[in-house]
Amino acid sequence: MKEEINFEDFLKVDMRVGTIIEVNDFPKARKPAYQLTIDFGGLGIKKSSAQITDLYTKDDLQNRQVTAIVNFKPRQIANFMSECLVLGIYNEEGNVVLLQASEHIKNGEQVS
């Protein structure tokens, strides 16, 4: 378990739901990854690099809703600027399983 935080620390994390509108291969990444373009509604469009190629094809991801942290500072990954962090959990095989809502949610809605 990680160190304990207070509720105010949690409130600093801005998690939102968005829809993947574009998926591209990312050959320059050190580990297999996709470049995702995600629509967060009123927050706009953000890009993310995601190491999710083991369980998801590009077709699987197109128009899929995901949950992401949108208030990290952008991070350079190879020749790509990642603007948000798509959330997932490692399964027993070490592959990332995406976190997502059980029902369709309006893009940009905040996780609370």
PDB file of N, CA and C in Angstrom:
ATOM      1  N   MET A   1       0.845  -1.174   0.000  1.00  0.00           N
ATOM      2  CA  MET A   1       0.000   0.000   0.000  1.00  0.00           C
ATOM      3  C   MET A   1       0.896   1.245   0.000  1.00  0.00           C
ATOM      4  N   LYS A   2       0.451   2.261  -0.702  1.00  0.00           N
ATOM      5  CA  LYS A   2       1.190   3.525  -0.748  1.00  0.00           C
ATOM      6  C   LYS A   2       0.900   4.346   0.501  1.00  0.00           C
ATOM      7  N   GLU A   3       1.665   5.428   0.663  1.00  0.00           N
ATOM      8  CA  GLU A   3       1.472   6.261   1.851  1.00  0.00           C
ATOM      9  C   GLU A   3       0.085   6.874   1.875  1.00  0.00           C
ATOM     10  N   GLU A   4      -0.416   7.074   3.053  1.00  0.00           N
ATOM     11  CA  GLU A   4      -1.741   7.650   3.256  1.00  0.00           C
ATOM     12  C   GLU A   4      -1.744   9.114   2.823  1.00  0.00           C
ATOM     13  N   ILE A   5      -2.843   9.523   2.171  1.00  0.00           N
ATOM     14  CA  ILE A   5      -3.010  10.921   1.783  1.00  0.00           C
ATOM     15  C   ILE A   5      -4.300  11.434   2.420  1.00  0.00           C
ATOM     16  N   ASN A   6      -4.460  12.750   2.404  1.00  0.00           N
ATOM     17  CA  ASN A   6      -5.713  13.286   2.920  1.00  0.00           C
ATOM     18  C   ASN A   6      -6.668  13.576   1.760  1.00  0.00           C
ATOM     19  N   PHE A   7      -7.911  13.879   2.092  1.00  0.00           N
ATOM     20  CA  PHE A   7      -8.943  14.081   1.079  1.00  0.00           C
ATOM     21  C   PHE A   7      -8.604  15.243   0.146  1.00  0.00           C
ATOM     22  N   GLU A   8      -7.964  16.279   0.668  1.00  0.00           N
ATOM     23  CA  GLU A   8      -7.590  17.433  -0.150  1.00  0.00           C
ATOM     24  C   GLU A   8      -6.596  17.021  -1.245  1.00  0.00           C
ATOM     25  N   ASP A   9      -5.702  16.069  -0.929  1.00  0.00           N
ATOM     26  CA  ASP A   9      -4.780  15.558  -1.953  1.00  0.00           C
ATOM     27  C   ASP A   9      -5.557  14.869  -3.073  1.00  0.00           C
ATOM     28  N   PHE A  10      -6.540  14.059  -2.704  1.00  0.00           N
ATOM     29  CA  PHE A  10      -7.357  13.362  -3.692  1.00  0.00           C
ATOM     30  C   PHE A  10      -8.095  14.355  -4.593  1.00  0.00           C
ATOM     31  N   LEU A  11      -8.590  15.438  -4.005  1.00  0.00           N
ATOM     32  CA  LEU A  11      -9.350  16.416  -4.776  1.00  0.00           C
ATOM     33  C   LEU A  11      -8.508  17.121  -5.838  1.00  0.00           C
ATOM     34  N   LYS A  12      -7.186  17.072  -5.725  1.00  0.00           N
ATOM     35  CA  LYS A  12      -6.304  17.680  -6.717  1.00  0.00           C
ATOM     36  C   LYS A  12      -6.260  16.880  -8.015  1.00  0.00           C
ATOM     37  N   VAL A  13      -6.621  15.602  -7.946  1.00  0.00           N
ATOM     38  CA  VAL A  13      -6.576  14.731  -9.121  1.00  0.00           C
ATOM     39  C   VAL A  13      -7.868  14.899  -9.907  1.00  0.00           C
ATOM     40  N   ASP A  14      -7.747  15.287 -11.173  1.00  0.00           N
ATOM     41  CA  ASP A  14      -8.912  15.527 -12.029  1.00  0.00           C
ATOM     42  C   ASP A  14      -9.074  14.337 -12.976  1.00  0.00           C
ATOM     43  N   MET A  15      -9.980  13.427 -12.613  1.00  0.00           N
ATOM     44  CA  MET A  15     -10.263  12.243 -13.437  1.00  0.00           C
ATOM     45  C   MET A  15     -11.548  12.487 -14.220  1.00  0.00           C
ATOM     46  N   ARG A  16     -11.461  12.257 -15.516  1.00  0.00           N
ATOM     47  CA  ARG A  16     -12.604  12.509 -16.399  1.00  0.00           C
ATOM     48  C   ARG A  16     -12.830  11.333 -17.343  1.00  0.00           C
ATOM     49  N   VAL A  17     -14.039  11.263 -17.857  1.00  0.00           N
ATOM     50  CA  VAL A  17     -14.409  10.264 -18.856  1.00  0.00           C
ATOM     51  C   VAL A  17     -14.312  10.908 -20.230  1.00  0.00           C
ATOM     52  N   GLY A  18     -13.729  10.181 -21.166  1.00  0.00           N
ATOM     53  CA  GLY A  18     -13.632  10.655 -22.543  1.00  0.00           C
ATOM     54  C   GLY A  18     -13.773   9.503 -23.520  1.00  0.00           C
ATOM     55  N   THR A  19     -13.957   9.833 -24.782  1.00  0.00           N
ATOM     56  CA  THR A  19     -14.109   8.829 -25.838  1.00  0.00           C
ATOM     57  C   THR A  19     -12.911   8.887 -26.772  1.00  0.00           C
ATOM     58  N   ILE A  20     -12.329   7.734 -27.019  1.00  0.00           N
ATOM     59  CA  ILE A  20     -11.194   7.650 -27.948  1.00  0.00           C
ATOM     60  C   ILE A  20     -11.722   7.877 -29.363  1.00  0.00           C
ATOM     61  N   ILE A  21     -11.172   8.884 -30.039  1.00  0.00           N
ATOM     62  CA  ILE A  21     -11.637   9.209 -31.394  1.00  0.00           C
ATOM     63  C   ILE A  21     -10.597   8.864 -32.455  1.00  0.00           C
ATOM     64  N   GLU A  22      -9.369   8.581 -32.026  1.00  0.00           N
ATOM     65  CA  GLU A  22      -8.329   8.191 -32.977  1.00  0.00           C
ATOM     66  C   GLU A  22      -7.293   7.334 -32.258  1.00  0.00           C
ATOM     67  N   VAL A  23      -6.845   6.277 -32.954  1.00  0.00           N
ATOM     68  CA  VAL A  23      -5.833   5.369 -32.406  1.00  0.00           C
ATOM     69  C   VAL A  23      -4.773   5.146 -33.477  1.00  0.00           C
ATOM     70  N   ASN A  24      -3.514   5.363 -33.102  1.00  0.00           N
ATOM     71  CA  ASN A  24      -2.404   5.142 -34.029  1.00  0.00           C
ATOM     72  C   ASN A  24      -1.333   4.290 -33.366  1.00  0.00           C
ATOM     73  N   ASP A  25      -0.619   3.526 -34.179  1.00  0.00           N
ATOM     74  CA  ASP A  25       0.541   2.801 -33.682  1.00  0.00           C
ATOM     75  C   ASP A  25       1.579   3.815 -33.214  1.00  0.00           C
ATOM     76  N   PHE A  26       2.448   3.385 -32.313  1.00  0.00           N
ATOM     77  CA  PHE A  26       3.491   4.255 -31.771  1.00  0.00           C
ATOM     78  C   PHE A  26       4.830   3.518 -31.859  1.00  0.00           C
ATOM     79  N   PRO A  27       5.387   3.423 -33.070  1.00  0.00           N
ATOM     80  CA  PRO A  27       6.608   2.627 -33.263  1.00  0.00           C
ATOM     81  C   PRO A  27       7.837   3.161 -32.536  1.00  0.00           C
ATOM     82  N   LYS A  28       7.863   4.443 -32.189  1.00  0.00           N
ATOM     83  CA  LYS A  28       9.035   5.004 -31.517  1.00  0.00           C
ATOM     84  C   LYS A  28       9.015   4.807 -29.995  1.00  0.00           C
ATOM     85  N   ALA A  29       7.926   4.291 -29.451  1.00  0.00           N
ATOM     86  CA  ALA A  29       7.856   4.027 -28.011  1.00  0.00           C
ATOM     87  C   ALA A  29       8.788   2.870 -27.657  1.00  0.00           C
ATOM     88  N   ARG A  30       9.375   2.924 -26.447  1.00  0.00           N
ATOM     89  CA  ARG A  30      10.277   1.848 -26.004  1.00  0.00           C
ATOM     90  C   ARG A  30       9.537   0.530 -25.833  1.00  0.00           C
ATOM     91  N   LYS A  31       8.321   0.588 -25.296  1.00  0.00           N
ATOM     92  CA  LYS A  31       7.475  -0.594 -25.140  1.00  0.00           C
ATOM     93  C   LYS A  31       6.290  -0.434 -26.081  1.00  0.00           C
ATOM     94  N   PRO A  32       5.722  -1.535 -26.577  1.00  0.00           N
ATOM     95  CA  PRO A  32       4.580  -1.422 -27.493  1.00  0.00           C
ATOM     96  C   PRO A  32       3.469  -0.546 -26.915  1.00  0.00           C
ATOM     97  N   ALA A  33       3.016   0.409 -27.715  1.00  0.00           N
ATOM     98  CA  ALA A  33       2.002   1.363 -27.245  1.00  0.00           C
ATOM     99  C   ALA A  33       1.212   1.910 -28.421  1.00  0.00           C
ATOM    100  N   TYR A  34       0.103   2.532 -28.083  1.00  0.00           N
ATOM    101  CA  TYR A  34      -0.697   3.280 -29.053  1.00  0.00           C
ATOM    102  C   TYR A  34      -0.644   4.755 -28.691  1.00  0.00           C
ATOM    103  N   GLN A  35      -0.861   5.591 -29.698  1.00  0.00           N
ATOM    104  CA  GLN A  35      -1.112   7.012 -29.497  1.00  0.00           C
ATOM    105  C   GLN A  35      -2.625   7.192 -29.589  1.00  0.00           C
ATOM    106  N   LEU A  36      -3.224   7.694 -28.515  1.00  0.00           N
ATOM    107  CA  LEU A  36      -4.668   7.877 -28.460  1.00  0.00           C
ATOM    108  C   LEU A  36      -5.023   9.349 -28.525  1.00  0.00           C
ATOM    109  N   THR A  37      -6.080   9.664 -29.239  1.00  0.00           N
ATOM    110  CA  THR A  37      -6.680  10.996 -29.226  1.00  0.00           C
ATOM    111  C   THR A  37      -8.041  10.830 -28.583  1.00  0.00           C
ATOM    112  N   ILE A  38      -8.281  11.590 -27.504  1.00  0.00           N
ATOM    113  CA  ILE A  38      -9.464  11.381 -26.676  1.00  0.00           C
ATOM    114  C   ILE A  38     -10.272  12.675 -26.582  1.00  0.00           C
ATOM    115  N   ASP A  39     -11.583  12.555 -26.797  1.00  0.00           N
ATOM    116  CA  ASP A  39     -12.506  13.689 -26.709  1.00  0.00           C
ATOM    117  C   ASP A  39     -13.062  13.764 -25.290  1.00  0.00           C
ATOM    118  N   PHE A  40     -12.737  14.865 -24.584  1.00  0.00           N
ATOM    119  CA  PHE A  40     -13.226  15.089 -23.229  1.00  0.00           C
ATOM    120  C   PHE A  40     -14.316  16.157 -23.203  1.00  0.00           C
ATOM    121  N   GLY A  41     -15.118  16.235 -24.249  1.00  0.00           N
ATOM    122  CA  GLY A  41     -16.246  17.171 -24.279  1.00  0.00           C
ATOM    123  C   GLY A  41     -15.778  18.602 -24.137  1.00  0.00           C
ATOM    124  N   GLY A  42     -16.325  19.318 -23.159  1.00  0.00           N
ATOM    125  CA  GLY A  42     -16.004  20.726 -22.939  1.00  0.00           C
ATOM    126  C   GLY A  42     -14.549  20.983 -22.596  1.00  0.00           C
ATOM    127  N   LEU A  43     -13.824  19.975 -22.135  1.00  0.00           N
ATOM    128  CA  LEU A  43     -12.391  20.132 -21.845  1.00  0.00           C
ATOM    129  C   LEU A  43     -11.543  20.070 -23.107  1.00  0.00           C
ATOM    130  N   GLY A  44     -12.136  19.616 -24.190  1.00  0.00           N
ATOM    131  CA  GLY A  44     -11.423  19.531 -25.459  1.00  0.00           C
ATOM    132  C   GLY A  44     -10.822  18.158 -25.726  1.00  0.00           C
ATOM    133  N   ILE A  45      -9.917  18.154 -26.684  1.00  0.00           N
ATOM    134  CA  ILE A  45      -9.263  16.935 -27.156  1.00  0.00           C
ATOM    135  C   ILE A  45      -7.883  16.851 -26.512  1.00  0.00           C
ATOM    136  N   LYS A  46      -7.546  15.662 -26.005  1.00  0.00           N
ATOM    137  CA  LYS A  46      -6.220  15.436 -25.425  1.00  0.00           C
ATOM    138  C   LYS A  46      -5.635  14.161 -26.004  1.00  0.00           C
ATOM    139  N   LYS A  47      -4.315  14.088 -25.991  1.00  0.00           N
ATOM    140  CA  LYS A  47      -3.606  12.926 -26.511  1.00  0.00           C
ATOM    141  C   LYS A  47      -2.934  12.177 -25.367  1.00  0.00           C
ATOM    142  N   SER A  48      -2.786  10.853 -25.555  1.00  0.00           N
ATOM    143  CA  SER A  48      -2.145  10.027 -24.550  1.00  0.00           C
ATOM    144  C   SER A  48      -1.432   8.869 -25.218  1.00  0.00           C
ATOM    145  N   SER A  49      -0.316   8.474 -24.632  1.00  0.00           N
ATOM    146  CA  SER A  49       0.370   7.252 -25.020  1.00  0.00           C
ATOM    147  C   SER A  49      -0.075   6.169 -24.049  1.00  0.00           C
ATOM    148  N   ALA A  50      -0.433   4.991 -24.570  1.00  0.00           N
ATOM    149  CA  ALA A  50      -0.937   3.934 -23.689  1.00  0.00           C
ATOM    150  C   ALA A  50      -0.360   2.583 -24.092  1.00  0.00           C
ATOM    151  N   GLN A  51       0.237   1.900 -23.126  1.00  0.00           N
ATOM    152  CA  GLN A  51       0.818   0.576 -23.351  1.00  0.00           C
ATOM    153  C   GLN A  51      -0.263  -0.485 -23.147  1.00  0.00           C
ATOM    154  N   ILE A  52      -1.179  -0.554 -24.103  1.00  0.00           N
ATOM    155  CA  ILE A  52      -2.340  -1.439 -23.980  1.00  0.00           C
ATOM    156  C   ILE A  52      -2.497  -2.337 -25.206  1.00  0.00           C
ATOM    157  N   THR A  53      -1.400  -2.572 -25.914  1.00  0.00           N
ATOM    158  CA  THR A  53      -1.466  -3.318 -27.169  1.00  0.00           C
ATOM    159  C   THR A  53      -1.696  -4.811 -26.971  1.00  0.00           C
ATOM    160  N   ASP A  54      -1.433  -5.344 -25.773  1.00  0.00           N
ATOM    161  CA  ASP A  54      -1.596  -6.786 -25.551  1.00  0.00           C
ATOM    162  C   ASP A  54      -3.053  -7.214 -25.546  1.00  0.00           C
ATOM    163  N   LEU A  55      -3.923  -6.398 -25.002  1.00  0.00           N
ATOM    164  CA  LEU A  55      -5.330  -6.794 -24.858  1.00  0.00           C
ATOM    165  C   LEU A  55      -6.282  -6.076 -25.804  1.00  0.00           C
ATOM    166  N   TYR A  56      -5.817  -4.990 -26.443  1.00  0.00           N
ATOM    167  CA  TYR A  56      -6.725  -4.175 -27.248  1.00  0.00           C
ATOM    168  C   TYR A  56      -6.152  -3.931 -28.639  1.00  0.00           C
ATOM    169  N   THR A  57      -7.000  -4.105 -29.660  1.00  0.00           N
ATOM    170  CA  THR A  57      -6.613  -3.724 -31.018  1.00  0.00           C
ATOM    171  C   THR A  57      -7.048  -2.273 -31.235  1.00  0.00           C
ATOM    172  N   LYS A  58      -6.580  -1.696 -32.322  1.00  0.00           N
ATOM    173  CA  LYS A  58      -7.006  -0.332 -32.644  1.00  0.00           C
ATOM    174  C   LYS A  58      -8.520  -0.277 -32.845  1.00  0.00           C
ATOM    175  N   ASP A  59      -9.080  -1.302 -33.473  1.00  0.00           N
ATOM    176  CA  ASP A  59     -10.535  -1.337 -33.675  1.00  0.00           C
ATOM    177  C   ASP A  59     -11.282  -1.441 -32.349  1.00  0.00           C
ATOM    178  N   ASP A  60     -10.735  -2.217 -31.386  1.00  0.00           N
ATOM    179  CA  ASP A  60     -11.363  -2.328 -30.061  1.00  0.00           C
ATOM    180  C   ASP A  60     -11.456  -0.970 -29.377  1.00  0.00           C
ATOM    181  N   LEU A  61     -10.451  -0.136 -29.587  1.00  0.00           N
ATOM    182  CA  LEU A  61     -10.343   1.128 -28.863  1.00  0.00           C
ATOM    183  C   LEU A  61     -11.132   2.269 -29.493  1.00  0.00           C
ATOM    184  N   GLN A  62     -11.336   2.194 -30.800  1.00  0.00           N
ATOM    185  CA  GLN A  62     -12.045   3.269 -31.496  1.00  0.00           C
ATOM    186  C   GLN A  62     -13.436   3.451 -30.901  1.00  0.00           C
ATOM    187  N   ASN A  63     -13.765   4.652 -30.465  1.00  0.00           N
ATOM    188  CA  ASN A  63     -15.062   5.027 -29.883  1.00  0.00           C
ATOM    189  C   ASN A  63     -15.313   4.427 -28.498  1.00  0.00           C
ATOM    190  N   ARG A  64     -14.285   3.896 -27.857  1.00  0.00           N
ATOM    191  CA  ARG A  64     -14.415   3.356 -26.498  1.00  0.00           C
ATOM    192  C   ARG A  64     -14.247   4.480 -25.484  1.00  0.00           C
ATOM    193  N   GLN A  65     -15.091   4.472 -24.478  1.00  0.00           N
ATOM    194  CA  GLN A  65     -14.929   5.439 -23.403  1.00  0.00           C
ATOM    195  C   GLN A  65     -13.868   4.936 -22.422  1.00  0.00           C
ATOM    196  N   VAL A  66     -13.060   5.872 -21.933  1.00  0.00           N
ATOM    197  CA  VAL A  66     -12.016   5.561 -20.969  1.00  0.00           C
ATOM    198  C   VAL A  66     -12.051   6.610 -19.860  1.00  0.00           C
ATOM    199  N   THR A  67     -11.373   6.286 -18.770  1.00  0.00           N
ATOM    200  CA  THR A  67     -11.198   7.218 -17.668  1.00  0.00           C
ATOM    201  C   THR A  67      -9.741   7.644 -17.655  1.00  0.00           C
ATOM    202  N   ALA A  68      -9.488   8.928 -17.476  1.00  0.00           N
ATOM    203  CA  ALA A  68      -8.113   9.432 -17.514  1.00  0.00           C
ATOM    204  C   ALA A  68      -7.928  10.572 -16.525  1.00  0.00           C
ATOM    205  N   ILE A  69      -6.686  10.736 -16.090  1.00  0.00           N
ATOM    206  CA  ILE A  69      -6.307  11.900 -15.306  1.00  0.00           C
ATOM    207  C   ILE A  69      -5.915  12.978 -16.310  1.00  0.00           C
ATOM    208  N   VAL A  70      -6.570  14.129 -16.231  1.00  0.00           N
ATOM    209  CA  VAL A  70      -6.388  15.164 -17.253  1.00  0.00           C
ATOM    210  C   VAL A  70      -5.595  16.368 -16.776  1.00  0.00           C
ATOM    211  N   ASN A  71      -5.176  16.394 -15.506  1.00  0.00           N
ATOM    212  CA  ASN A  71      -4.466  17.582 -15.029  1.00  0.00           C
ATOM    213  C   ASN A  71      -2.997  17.325 -14.685  1.00  0.00           C
ATOM    214  N   PHE A  72      -2.396  16.297 -15.292  1.00  0.00           N
ATOM    215  CA  PHE A  72      -0.947  16.150 -15.219  1.00  0.00           C
ATOM    216  C   PHE A  72      -0.305  17.120 -16.206  1.00  0.00           C
ATOM    217  N   LYS A  73       0.921  17.540 -15.931  1.00  0.00           N
ATOM    218  CA  LYS A  73       1.663  18.319 -16.914  1.00  0.00           C
ATOM    219  C   LYS A  73       1.949  17.418 -18.113  1.00  0.00           C
ATOM    220  N   PRO A  74       1.889  17.945 -19.345  1.00  0.00           N
ATOM    221  CA  PRO A  74       2.208  17.128 -20.517  1.00  0.00           C
ATOM    222  C   PRO A  74       3.600  16.507 -20.385  1.00  0.00           C
ATOM    223  N   ARG A  75       3.732  15.299 -20.936  1.00  0.00           N
ATOM    224  CA  ARG A  75       4.985  14.551 -20.817  1.00  0.00           C
ATOM    225  C   ARG A  75       5.437  14.081 -22.198  1.00  0.00           C
ATOM    226  N   GLN A  76       6.694  14.362 -22.513  1.00  0.00           N
ATOM    227  CA  GLN A  76       7.269  13.945 -23.791  1.00  0.00           C
ATOM    228  C   GLN A  76       7.602  12.456 -23.732  1.00  0.00           C
ATOM    229  N   ILE A  77       7.056  11.683 -24.656  1.00  0.00           N
ATOM    230  CA  ILE A  77       7.369  10.271 -24.781  1.00  0.00           C
ATOM    231  C   ILE A  77       7.816  10.055 -26.216  1.00  0.00           C
ATOM    232  N   ALA A  78       9.130   9.819 -26.384  1.00  0.00           N
ATOM    233  CA  ALA A  78       9.748   9.755 -27.721  1.00  0.00           C
ATOM    234  C   ALA A  78       9.399  11.058 -28.450  1.00  0.00           C
ATOM    235  N   ASN A  79       8.773  10.964 -29.616  1.00  0.00           N
ATOM    236  CA  ASN A  79       8.440  12.152 -30.402  1.00  0.00           C
ATOM    237  C   ASN A  79       6.988  12.599 -30.208  1.00  0.00           C
ATOM    238  N   PHE A  80       6.367  12.210 -29.093  1.00  0.00           N
ATOM    239  CA  PHE A  80       4.939  12.414 -28.864  1.00  0.00           C
ATOM    240  C   PHE A  80       4.730  13.096 -27.512  1.00  0.00           C
ATOM    241  N   MET A  81       3.823  14.055 -27.452  1.00  0.00           N
ATOM    242  CA  MET A  81       3.499  14.736 -26.203  1.00  0.00           C
ATOM    243  C   MET A  81       2.212  14.132 -25.629  1.00  0.00           C
ATOM    244  N   SER A  82       2.326  13.455 -24.488  1.00  0.00           N
ATOM    245  CA  SER A  82       1.181  12.847 -23.816  1.00  0.00           C
ATOM    246  C   SER A  82       0.590  13.874 -22.854  1.00  0.00           C
ATOM    247  N   GLU A  83      -0.721  14.132 -22.982  1.00  0.00           N
ATOM    248  CA  GLU A  83      -1.379  15.193 -22.228  1.00  0.00           C
ATOM    249  C   GLU A  83      -2.286  14.695 -21.110  1.00  0.00           C
ATOM    250  N   CYS A  84      -2.501  13.400 -21.039  1.00  0.00           N
ATOM    251  CA  CYS A  84      -3.328  12.831 -19.984  1.00  0.00           C
ATOM    252  C   CYS A  84      -2.892  11.391 -19.744  1.00  0.00           C
ATOM    253  N   LEU A  85      -3.346  10.809 -18.638  1.00  0.00           N
ATOM    254  CA  LEU A  85      -2.991   9.442 -18.286  1.00  0.00           C
ATOM    255  C   LEU A  85      -4.252   8.591 -18.251  1.00  0.00           C
ATOM    256  N   VAL A  86      -4.359   7.664 -19.199  1.00  0.00           N
ATOM    257  CA  VAL A  86      -5.489   6.746 -19.247  1.00  0.00           C
ATOM    258  C   VAL A  86      -5.304   5.719 -18.131  1.00  0.00           C
ATOM    259  N   LEU A  87      -6.372   5.462 -17.387  1.00  0.00           N
ATOM    260  CA  LEU A  87      -6.273   4.598 -16.215  1.00  0.00           C
ATOM    261  C   LEU A  87      -6.582   3.142 -16.530  1.00  0.00           C
ATOM    262  N   GLY A  88      -5.809   2.270 -15.917  1.00  0.00           N
ATOM    263  CA  GLY A  88      -5.995   0.835 -16.070  1.00  0.00           C
ATOM    264  C   GLY A  88      -5.382   0.096 -14.903  1.00  0.00           C
ATOM    265  N   ILE A  89      -5.589  -1.208 -14.895  1.00  0.00           N
ATOM    266  CA  ILE A  89      -5.072  -2.080 -13.842  1.00  0.00           C
ATOM    267  C   ILE A  89      -4.324  -3.222 -14.510  1.00  0.00           C
ATOM    268  N   TYR A  90      -3.154  -3.573 -13.951  1.00  0.00           N
ATOM    269  CA  TYR A  90      -2.423  -4.728 -14.463  1.00  0.00           C
ATOM    270  C   TYR A  90      -3.129  -6.005 -14.017  1.00  0.00           C
ATOM    271  N   ASN A  91      -3.374  -6.920 -14.985  1.00  0.00           N
ATOM    272  CA  ASN A  91      -3.956  -8.210 -14.635  1.00  0.00           C
ATOM    273  C   ASN A  91      -2.845  -9.189 -14.238  1.00  0.00           C
ATOM    274  N   GLU A  92      -3.190 -10.428 -13.984  1.00  0.00           N
ATOM    275  CA  GLU A  92      -2.214 -11.427 -13.524  1.00  0.00           C
ATOM    276  C   GLU A  92      -1.107 -11.680 -14.542  1.00  0.00           C
ATOM    277  N   GLU A  93      -1.385 -11.453 -15.819  1.00  0.00           N
ATOM    278  CA  GLU A  93      -0.389 -11.656 -16.874  1.00  0.00           C
ATOM    279  C   GLU A  93       0.465 -10.412 -17.105  1.00  0.00           C
ATOM    280  N   GLY A  94       0.194  -9.340 -16.380  1.00  0.00           N
ATOM    281  CA  GLY A  94       0.961  -8.113 -16.527  1.00  0.00           C
ATOM    282  C   GLY A  94       0.481  -7.210 -17.649  1.00  0.00           C
ATOM    283  N   ASN A  95      -0.724  -7.452 -18.153  1.00  0.00           N
ATOM    284  CA  ASN A  95      -1.304  -6.621 -19.201  1.00  0.00           C
ATOM    285  C   ASN A  95      -2.264  -5.612 -18.583  1.00  0.00           C
ATOM    286  N   VAL A  96      -2.350  -4.437 -19.191  1.00  0.00           N
ATOM    287  CA  VAL A  96      -3.214  -3.381 -18.661  1.00  0.00           C
ATOM    288  C   VAL A  96      -4.651  -3.587 -19.121  1.00  0.00           C
ATOM    289  N   VAL A  97      -5.574  -3.603 -18.154  1.00  0.00           N
ATOM    290  CA  VAL A  97      -7.012  -3.653 -18.408  1.00  0.00           C
ATOM    291  C   VAL A  97      -7.546  -2.255 -18.125  1.00  0.00           C
ATOM    292  N   LEU A  98      -8.197  -1.657 -19.114  1.00  0.00           N
ATOM    293  CA  LEU A  98      -8.700  -0.293 -18.971  1.00  0.00           C
ATOM    294  C   LEU A  98      -9.825  -0.186 -17.955  1.00  0.00           C
ATOM    295  N   LEU A  99      -9.825   0.916 -17.203  1.00  0.00           N
ATOM    296  CA  LEU A  99     -10.944   1.235 -16.327  1.00  0.00           C
ATOM    297  C   LEU A  99     -11.969   2.010 -17.138  1.00  0.00           C
ATOM    298  N   GLN A 100     -13.226   1.641 -16.993  1.00  0.00           N
ATOM    299  CA  GLN A 100     -14.261   2.375 -17.708  1.00  0.00           C
ATOM    300  C   GLN A 100     -15.586   2.253 -16.976  1.00  0.00           C
ATOM    301  N   ALA A 101     -16.469   3.182 -17.249  1.00  0.00           N
ATOM    302  CA  ALA A 101     -17.788   3.186 -16.622  1.00  0.00           C
ATOM    303  C   ALA A 101     -18.619   2.028 -17.169  1.00  0.00           C
ATOM    304  N   SER A 102     -19.555   1.547 -16.370  1.00  0.00           N
ATOM    305  CA  SER A 102     -20.413   0.434 -16.794  1.00  0.00           C
ATOM    306  C   SER A 102     -21.531   0.895 -17.726  1.00  0.00           C
ATOM    307  N   GLU A 103     -21.746   2.208 -17.799  1.00  0.00           N
ATOM    308  CA  GLU A 103     -22.739   2.779 -18.710  1.00  0.00           C
ATOM    309  C   GLU A 103     -22.110   3.959 -19.433  1.00  0.00           C
ATOM    310  N   HIS A 104     -22.700   4.341 -20.581  1.00  0.00           N
ATOM    311  CA  HIS A 104     -22.185   5.481 -21.341  1.00  0.00           C
ATOM    312  C   HIS A 104     -22.330   6.758 -20.505  1.00  0.00           C
ATOM    313  N   ILE A 105     -21.276   7.556 -20.478  1.00  0.00           N
ATOM    314  CA  ILE A 105     -21.231   8.801 -19.716  1.00  0.00           C
ATOM    315  C   ILE A 105     -20.916   9.933 -20.685  1.00  0.00           C
ATOM    316  N   LYS A 106     -21.448  11.107 -20.429  1.00  0.00           N
ATOM    317  CA  LYS A 106     -21.146  12.284 -21.252  1.00  0.00           C
ATOM    318  C   LYS A 106     -19.643  12.588 -21.163  1.00  0.00           C
ATOM    319  N   ASN A 107     -19.007  12.813 -22.316  1.00  0.00           N
ATOM    320  CA  ASN A 107     -17.579  13.130 -22.350  1.00  0.00           C
ATOM    321  C   ASN A 107     -17.277  14.350 -21.482  1.00  0.00           C
ATOM    322  N   GLY A 108     -16.227  14.235 -20.688  1.00  0.00           N
ATOM    323  CA  GLY A 108     -15.805  15.324 -19.823  1.00  0.00           C
ATOM    324  C   GLY A 108     -16.328  15.240 -18.420  1.00  0.00           C
ATOM    325  N   GLU A 109     -17.258  14.323 -18.146  1.00  0.00           N
ATOM    326  CA  GLU A 109     -17.788  14.203 -16.792  1.00  0.00           C
ATOM    327  C   GLU A 109     -16.682  13.806 -15.839  1.00  0.00           C
ATOM    328  N   GLN A 110     -16.722  14.359 -14.649  1.00  0.00           N
ATOM    329  CA  GLN A 110     -15.663  14.153 -13.662  1.00  0.00           C
ATOM    330  C   GLN A 110     -15.987  12.948 -12.775  1.00  0.00           C
ATOM    331  N   VAL A 111     -14.955  12.158 -12.491  1.00  0.00           N
ATOM    332  CA  VAL A 111     -15.083  11.042 -11.545  1.00  0.00           C
ATOM    333  C   VAL A 111     -15.079  11.641 -10.144  1.00  0.00           C
ATOM    334  N   SER A 112     -16.036  11.210  -9.332  1.00  0.00           N
ATOM    335  CA  SER A 112     -16.102  11.746  -7.963  1.00  0.00           C
ATOM    336  C   SER A 112     -16.248  10.625  -6.961  1.00  0.00           C
TER     337      SER A 112
END
